[in-house]
Amino acid sequence: MAAPHVSGAAALLWRLFPQCKAADIAEALKMSAERLPGQLQVPDYAGGYGMLKVDKAYEWIQKHNPCAQTASAA
């Protein structure tokens, strides 16, 4: 049941950063996910990359991705 939540988060981020590519949005979501308790490696079959954190993904893409900087300059 994570797919609808992740899809919605991706749509939100893409709306905020329309100049970013799908790979940029996916990377932000993966890099900002919070590991679940007992999750030793990421990704794993039970928990994927962890708990979705849209606010952290927004901050991550602003800080680490050049496509976000072009939006704030415009």
PDB file of N, CA and C in Angstrom:
ATOM      1  N   MET A   1       0.802  -1.207   0.000  1.00  0.00           N
ATOM      2  CA  MET A   1       0.000   0.000   0.000  1.00  0.00           C
ATOM      3  C   MET A   1       0.841   1.265   0.000  1.00  0.00           C
ATOM      4  N   ALA A   2       2.133   1.146  -0.150  1.00  0.00           N
ATOM      5  CA  ALA A   2       2.970   2.339  -0.179  1.00  0.00           C
ATOM      6  C   ALA A   2       2.895   3.050  -1.528  1.00  0.00           C
ATOM      7  N   ALA A   3       2.566   2.325  -2.582  1.00  0.00           N
ATOM      8  CA  ALA A   3       2.591   2.908  -3.928  1.00  0.00           C
ATOM      9  C   ALA A   3       1.743   4.181  -4.063  1.00  0.00           C
ATOM     10  N   PRO A   4       0.508   4.235  -3.555  1.00  0.00           N
ATOM     11  CA  PRO A   4      -0.261   5.472  -3.684  1.00  0.00           C
ATOM     12  C   PRO A   4       0.379   6.657  -2.948  1.00  0.00           C
ATOM     13  N   HIS A   5       0.974   6.383  -1.813  1.00  0.00           N
ATOM     14  CA  HIS A   5       1.603   7.450  -1.035  1.00  0.00           C
ATOM     15  C   HIS A   5       2.857   7.979  -1.743  1.00  0.00           C
ATOM     16  N   VAL A   6       3.653   7.063  -2.235  1.00  0.00           N
ATOM     17  CA  VAL A   6       4.881   7.462  -2.930  1.00  0.00           C
ATOM     18  C   VAL A   6       4.539   8.170  -4.237  1.00  0.00           C
ATOM     19  N   SER A   7       3.530   7.702  -4.940  1.00  0.00           N
ATOM     20  CA  SER A   7       3.105   8.355  -6.180  1.00  0.00           C
ATOM     21  C   SER A   7       2.619   9.769  -5.911  1.00  0.00           C
ATOM     22  N   GLY A   8       1.852   9.935  -4.845  1.00  0.00           N
ATOM     23  CA  GLY A   8       1.374  11.268  -4.481  1.00  0.00           C
ATOM     24  C   GLY A   8       2.511  12.196  -4.088  1.00  0.00           C
ATOM     25  N   ALA A   9       3.481  11.671  -3.346  1.00  0.00           N
ATOM     26  CA  ALA A   9       4.641  12.472  -2.955  1.00  0.00           C
ATOM     27  C   ALA A   9       5.455  12.877  -4.179  1.00  0.00           C
ATOM     28  N   ALA A  10       5.618  11.941  -5.108  1.00  0.00           N
ATOM     29  CA  ALA A  10       6.353  12.246  -6.332  1.00  0.00           C
ATOM     30  C   ALA A  10       5.622  13.321  -7.147  1.00  0.00           C
ATOM     31  N   ALA A  11       4.304  13.216  -7.227  1.00  0.00           N
ATOM     32  CA  ALA A  11       3.520  14.213  -7.959  1.00  0.00           C
ATOM     33  C   ALA A  11       3.648  15.593  -7.317  1.00  0.00           C
ATOM     34  N   LEU A  12       3.619  15.642  -5.995  1.00  0.00           N
ATOM     35  CA  LEU A  12       3.775  16.909  -5.279  1.00  0.00           C
ATOM     36  C   LEU A  12       5.142  17.527  -5.572  1.00  0.00           C
ATOM     37  N   LEU A  13       6.188  16.723  -5.464  1.00  0.00           N
ATOM     38  CA  LEU A  13       7.537  17.246  -5.720  1.00  0.00           C
ATOM     39  C   LEU A  13       7.696  17.680  -7.176  1.00  0.00           C
ATOM     40  N   TRP A  14       7.114  16.927  -8.080  1.00  0.00           N
ATOM     41  CA  TRP A  14       7.229  17.291  -9.491  1.00  0.00           C
ATOM     42  C   TRP A  14       6.455  18.578  -9.780  1.00  0.00           C
ATOM     43  N   ARG A  15       5.382  18.794  -9.060  1.00  0.00           N
ATOM     44  CA  ARG A  15       4.621  20.054  -9.203  1.00  0.00           C
ATOM     45  C   ARG A  15       5.461  21.231  -8.709  1.00  0.00           C
ATOM     46  N   LEU A  16       6.216  21.019  -7.642  1.00  0.00           N
ATOM     47  CA  LEU A  16       7.053  22.078  -7.081  1.00  0.00           C
ATOM     48  C   LEU A  16       8.325  22.295  -7.894  1.00  0.00           C
ATOM     49  N   PHE A  17       8.809  21.234  -8.533  1.00  0.00           N
ATOM     50  CA  PHE A  17      10.042  21.299  -9.329  1.00  0.00           C
ATOM     51  C   PHE A  17       9.783  20.721 -10.723  1.00  0.00           C
ATOM     52  N   PRO A  18       9.005  21.411 -11.561  1.00  0.00           N
ATOM     53  CA  PRO A  18       8.631  20.847 -12.870  1.00  0.00           C
ATOM     54  C   PRO A  18       9.806  20.654 -13.823  1.00  0.00           C
ATOM     55  N   GLN A  19      10.897  21.333 -13.601  1.00  0.00           N
ATOM     56  CA  GLN A  19      12.049  21.210 -14.475  1.00  0.00           C
ATOM     57  C   GLN A  19      12.904  19.983 -14.147  1.00  0.00           C
ATOM     58  N   CYS A  20      12.636  19.320 -13.036  1.00  0.00           N
ATOM     59  CA  CYS A  20      13.376  18.116 -12.655  1.00  0.00           C
ATOM     60  C   CYS A  20      12.856  16.911 -13.442  1.00  0.00           C
ATOM     61  N   LYS A  21      13.724  15.952 -13.624  1.00  0.00           N
ATOM     62  CA  LYS A  21      13.360  14.714 -14.305  1.00  0.00           C
ATOM     63  C   LYS A  21      12.812  13.709 -13.283  1.00  0.00           C
ATOM     64  N   ALA A  22      12.174  12.673 -13.788  1.00  0.00           N
ATOM     65  CA  ALA A  22      11.622  11.636 -12.912  1.00  0.00           C
ATOM     66  C   ALA A  22      12.716  11.008 -12.054  1.00  0.00           C
ATOM     67  N   ALA A  23      13.894  10.819 -12.623  1.00  0.00           N
ATOM     68  CA  ALA A  23      15.008  10.233 -11.874  1.00  0.00           C
ATOM     69  C   ALA A  23      15.437  11.143 -10.723  1.00  0.00           C
ATOM     70  N   ASP A  24      15.358  12.457 -10.915  1.00  0.00           N
ATOM     71  CA  ASP A  24      15.705  13.401  -9.847  1.00  0.00           C
ATOM     72  C   ASP A  24      14.728  13.275  -8.678  1.00  0.00           C
ATOM     73  N   ILE A  25      13.454  13.176  -9.001  1.00  0.00           N
ATOM     74  CA  ILE A  25      12.421  13.051  -7.967  1.00  0.00           C
ATOM     75  C   ILE A  25      12.575  11.715  -7.233  1.00  0.00           C
ATOM     76  N   ALA A  26      12.800  10.645  -7.983  1.00  0.00           N
ATOM     77  CA  ALA A  26      12.971   9.323  -7.371  1.00  0.00           C
ATOM     78  C   ALA A  26      14.184   9.307  -6.447  1.00  0.00           C
ATOM     79  N   GLU A  27      15.275   9.915  -6.879  1.00  0.00           N
ATOM     80  CA  GLU A  27      16.469   9.953  -6.050  1.00  0.00           C
ATOM     81  C   GLU A  27      16.213  10.714  -4.751  1.00  0.00           C
ATOM     82  N   ALA A  28      15.510  11.836  -4.840  1.00  0.00           N
ATOM     83  CA  ALA A  28      15.198  12.620  -3.639  1.00  0.00           C
ATOM     84  C   ALA A  28      14.362  11.805  -2.656  1.00  0.00           C
ATOM     85  N   LEU A  29      13.374  11.068  -3.167  1.00  0.00           N
ATOM     86  CA  LEU A  29      12.528  10.254  -2.292  1.00  0.00           C
ATOM     87  C   LEU A  29      13.334   9.140  -1.632  1.00  0.00           C
ATOM     88  N   LYS A  30      14.212   8.502  -2.387  1.00  0.00           N
ATOM     89  CA  LYS A  30      15.020   7.412  -1.835  1.00  0.00           C
ATOM     90  C   LYS A  30      16.027   7.926  -0.810  1.00  0.00           C
ATOM     91  N   MET A  31      16.691   9.011  -1.120  1.00  0.00           N
ATOM     92  CA  MET A  31      17.743   9.522  -0.245  1.00  0.00           C
ATOM     93  C   MET A  31      17.195  10.112   1.054  1.00  0.00           C
ATOM     94  N   SER A  32      15.940  10.519   1.052  1.00  0.00           N
ATOM     95  CA  SER A  32      15.372  11.163   2.242  1.00  0.00           C
ATOM     96  C   SER A  32      14.524  10.225   3.086  1.00  0.00           C
ATOM     97  N   ALA A  33      14.341   8.990   2.651  1.00  0.00           N
ATOM     98  CA  ALA A  33      13.528   8.039   3.417  1.00  0.00           C
ATOM     99  C   ALA A  33      14.210   7.717   4.743  1.00  0.00           C
ATOM    100  N   GLU A  34      13.395   7.538   5.765  1.00  0.00           N
ATOM    101  CA  GLU A  34      13.901   7.211   7.104  1.00  0.00           C
ATOM    102  C   GLU A  34      13.884   5.695   7.291  1.00  0.00           C
ATOM    103  N   ARG A  35      15.014   5.153   7.686  1.00  0.00           N
ATOM    104  CA  ARG A  35      15.079   3.704   7.910  1.00  0.00           C
ATOM    105  C   ARG A  35      14.085   3.285   8.981  1.00  0.00           C
ATOM    106  N   LEU A  36      13.531   2.102   8.769  1.00  0.00           N
ATOM    107  CA  LEU A  36      12.597   1.537   9.739  1.00  0.00           C
ATOM    108  C   LEU A  36      13.371   0.839  10.853  1.00  0.00           C
ATOM    109  N   PRO A  37      12.772   0.704  12.036  1.00  0.00           N
ATOM    110  CA  PRO A  37      13.465   0.000  13.120  1.00  0.00           C
ATOM    111  C   PRO A  37      13.839  -1.421  12.688  1.00  0.00           C
ATOM    112  N   GLY A  38      15.086  -1.773  12.906  1.00  0.00           N
ATOM    113  CA  GLY A  38      15.565  -3.096  12.548  1.00  0.00           C
ATOM    114  C   GLY A  38      15.962  -3.264  11.098  1.00  0.00           C
ATOM    115  N   GLN A  39      15.848  -2.212  10.313  1.00  0.00           N
ATOM    116  CA  GLN A  39      16.210  -2.277   8.900  1.00  0.00           C
ATOM    117  C   GLN A  39      17.722  -2.122   8.778  1.00  0.00           C
ATOM    118  N   LEU A  40      18.397  -3.220   8.447  1.00  0.00           N
ATOM    119  CA  LEU A  40      19.852  -3.218   8.423  1.00  0.00           C
ATOM    120  C   LEU A  40      20.428  -2.720   7.107  1.00  0.00           C
ATOM    121  N   GLN A  41      19.768  -3.015   6.006  1.00  0.00           N
ATOM    122  CA  GLN A  41      20.267  -2.539   4.722  1.00  0.00           C
ATOM    123  C   GLN A  41      19.131  -1.879   3.959  1.00  0.00           C
ATOM    124  N   VAL A  42      19.486  -0.999   3.075  1.00  0.00           N
ATOM    125  CA  VAL A  42      18.500  -0.277   2.283  1.00  0.00           C
ATOM    126  C   VAL A  42      18.879  -0.430   0.828  1.00  0.00           C
ATOM    127  N   PRO A  43      17.994  -0.771  -0.055  1.00  0.00           N
ATOM    128  CA  PRO A  43      16.634  -1.226   0.201  1.00  0.00           C
ATOM    129  C   PRO A  43      16.611  -2.686   0.642  1.00  0.00           C
ATOM    130  N   ASP A  44      15.516  -3.055   1.270  1.00  0.00           N
ATOM    131  CA  ASP A  44      15.303  -4.464   1.575  1.00  0.00           C
ATOM    132  C   ASP A  44      13.896  -4.851   1.116  1.00  0.00           C
ATOM    133  N   TYR A  45      13.629  -6.146   1.102  1.00  0.00           N
ATOM    134  CA  TYR A  45      12.347  -6.618   0.563  1.00  0.00           C
ATOM    135  C   TYR A  45      11.161  -6.279   1.449  1.00  0.00           C
ATOM    136  N   ALA A  46      11.368  -6.121   2.734  1.00  0.00           N
ATOM    137  CA  ALA A  46      10.259  -5.854   3.642  1.00  0.00           C
ATOM    138  C   ALA A  46       9.906  -4.369   3.705  1.00  0.00           C
ATOM    139  N   GLY A  47      10.925  -3.512   3.769  1.00  0.00           N
ATOM    140  CA  GLY A  47      10.652  -2.096   3.994  1.00  0.00           C
ATOM    141  C   GLY A  47      11.094  -1.168   2.889  1.00  0.00           C
ATOM    142  N   GLY A  48      11.605  -1.717   1.792  1.00  0.00           N
ATOM    143  CA  GLY A  48      12.063  -0.862   0.703  1.00  0.00           C
ATOM    144  C   GLY A  48      13.171   0.070   1.170  1.00  0.00           C
ATOM    145  N   TYR A  49      12.989   1.359   0.939  1.00  0.00           N
ATOM    146  CA  TYR A  49      13.970   2.351   1.368  1.00  0.00           C
ATOM    147  C   TYR A  49      13.655   2.907   2.750  1.00  0.00           C
ATOM    148  N   GLY A  50      12.496   2.552   3.289  1.00  0.00           N
ATOM    149  CA  GLY A  50      12.119   3.034   4.608  1.00  0.00           C
ATOM    150  C   GLY A  50      10.837   3.850   4.556  1.00  0.00           C
ATOM    151  N   MET A  51      10.662   4.707   5.576  1.00  0.00           N
ATOM    152  CA  MET A  51       9.460   5.516   5.687  1.00  0.00           C
ATOM    153  C   MET A  51       9.583   6.783   4.848  1.00  0.00           C
ATOM    154  N   LEU A  52       8.537   7.044   4.082  1.00  0.00           N
ATOM    155  CA  LEU A  52       8.488   8.217   3.222  1.00  0.00           C
ATOM    156  C   LEU A  52       8.476   9.491   4.059  1.00  0.00           C
ATOM    157  N   LYS A  53       9.345  10.426   3.721  1.00  0.00           N
ATOM    158  CA  LYS A  53       9.413  11.731   4.388  1.00  0.00           C
ATOM    159  C   LYS A  53       9.427  12.808   3.306  1.00  0.00           C
ATOM    160  N   VAL A  54       8.249  13.298   2.933  1.00  0.00           N
ATOM    161  CA  VAL A  54       8.143  14.250   1.829  1.00  0.00           C
ATOM    162  C   VAL A  54       8.860  15.553   2.153  1.00  0.00           C
ATOM    163  N   ASP A  55       8.763  16.022   3.397  1.00  0.00           N
ATOM    164  CA  ASP A  55       9.429  17.271   3.759  1.00  0.00           C
ATOM    165  C   ASP A  55      10.943  17.146   3.615  1.00  0.00           C
ATOM    166  N   LYS A  56      11.470  15.999   3.989  1.00  0.00           N
ATOM    167  CA  LYS A  56      12.915  15.768   3.849  1.00  0.00           C
ATOM    168  C   LYS A  56      13.307  15.653   2.376  1.00  0.00           C
ATOM    169  N   ALA A  57      12.436  15.052   1.564  1.00  0.00           N
ATOM    170  CA  ALA A  57      12.702  14.950   0.127  1.00  0.00           C
ATOM    171  C   ALA A  57      12.732  16.337  -0.504  1.00  0.00           C
ATOM    172  N   TYR A  58      11.820  17.208  -0.081  1.00  0.00           N
ATOM    173  CA  TYR A  58      11.797  18.585  -0.578  1.00  0.00           C
ATOM    174  C   TYR A  58      13.104  19.293  -0.228  1.00  0.00           C
ATOM    175  N   GLU A  59      13.519  19.166   1.017  1.00  0.00           N
ATOM    176  CA  GLU A  59      14.776  19.791   1.442  1.00  0.00           C
ATOM    177  C   GLU A  59      15.969  19.190   0.708  1.00  0.00           C
ATOM    178  N   TRP A  60      15.962  17.875   0.529  1.00  0.00           N
ATOM    179  CA  TRP A  60      17.078  17.198  -0.132  1.00  0.00           C
ATOM    180  C   TRP A  60      17.220  17.668  -1.578  1.00  0.00           C
ATOM    181  N   ILE A  61      16.103  17.735  -2.293  1.00  0.00           N
ATOM    182  CA  ILE A  61      16.183  18.124  -3.704  1.00  0.00           C
ATOM    183  C   ILE A  61      16.604  19.587  -3.847  1.00  0.00           C
ATOM    184  N   GLN A  62      16.183  20.426  -2.928  1.00  0.00           N
ATOM    185  CA  GLN A  62      16.615  21.830  -2.965  1.00  0.00           C
ATOM    186  C   GLN A  62      18.115  21.959  -2.741  1.00  0.00           C
ATOM    187  N   LYS A  63      18.640  21.146  -1.865  1.00  0.00           N
ATOM    188  CA  LYS A  63      20.048  21.251  -1.492  1.00  0.00           C
ATOM    189  C   LYS A  63      20.988  20.543  -2.466  1.00  0.00           C
ATOM    190  N   HIS A  64      20.577  19.401  -3.002  1.00  0.00           N
ATOM    191  CA  HIS A  64      21.498  18.557  -3.751  1.00  0.00           C
ATOM    192  C   HIS A  64      21.280  18.493  -5.250  1.00  0.00           C
ATOM    193  N   ASN A  65      20.195  19.039  -5.773  1.00  0.00           N
ATOM    194  CA  ASN A  65      19.932  18.842  -7.188  1.00  0.00           C
ATOM    195  C   ASN A  65      19.927  20.166  -7.940  1.00  0.00           C
ATOM    196  N   PRO A  66      20.728  20.275  -9.002  1.00  0.00           N
ATOM    197  CA  PRO A  66      20.786  21.519  -9.784  1.00  0.00           C
ATOM    198  C   PRO A  66      19.441  21.917 -10.409  1.00  0.00           C
ATOM    199  N   CYS A  67      18.572  20.958 -10.674  1.00  0.00           N
ATOM    200  CA  CYS A  67      17.284  21.318 -11.286  1.00  0.00           C
ATOM    201  C   CYS A  67      16.443  22.172 -10.345  1.00  0.00           C
ATOM    202  N   ALA A  68      16.636  22.037  -9.045  1.00  0.00           N
ATOM    203  CA  ALA A  68      15.899  22.845  -8.068  1.00  0.00           C
ATOM    204  C   ALA A  68      16.432  24.276  -8.046  1.00  0.00           C
ATOM    205  N   GLN A  69      17.716  24.452  -8.249  1.00  0.00           N
ATOM    206  CA  GLN A  69      18.309  25.787  -8.220  1.00  0.00           C
ATOM    207  C   GLN A  69      17.818  26.621  -9.411  1.00  0.00           C
ATOM    208  N   THR A  70      17.570  26.001 -10.550  1.00  0.00           N
ATOM    209  CA  THR A  70      17.088  26.756 -11.698  1.00  0.00           C
ATOM    210  C   THR A  70      15.687  27.285 -11.452  1.00  0.00           C
ATOM    211  N   ALA A  71      14.889  26.584 -10.647  1.00  0.00           N
ATOM    212  CA  ALA A  71      13.532  27.035 -10.342  1.00  0.00           C
ATOM    213  C   ALA A  71      13.541  28.240  -9.420  1.00  0.00           C
ATOM    214  N   SER A  72      14.423  28.239  -8.421  1.00  0.00           N
ATOM    215  CA  SER A  72      14.442  29.353  -7.486  1.00  0.00           C
ATOM    216  C   SER A  72      15.039  30.604  -8.112  1.00  0.00           C
ATOM    217  N   ALA A  73      15.849  30.441  -9.149  1.00  0.00           N
ATOM    218  CA  ALA A  73      16.450  31.605  -9.817  1.00  0.00           C
ATOM    219  C   ALA A  73      15.459  32.291 -10.745  1.00  0.00           C
ATOM    220  N   ALA A  74      14.446  31.558 -11.202  1.00  0.00           N
ATOM    221  CA  ALA A  74      13.491  32.111 -12.166  1.00  0.00           C
ATOM    222  C   ALA A  74      12.465  33.001 -11.524  1.00  0.00           C
TER     223      ALA A  74
END
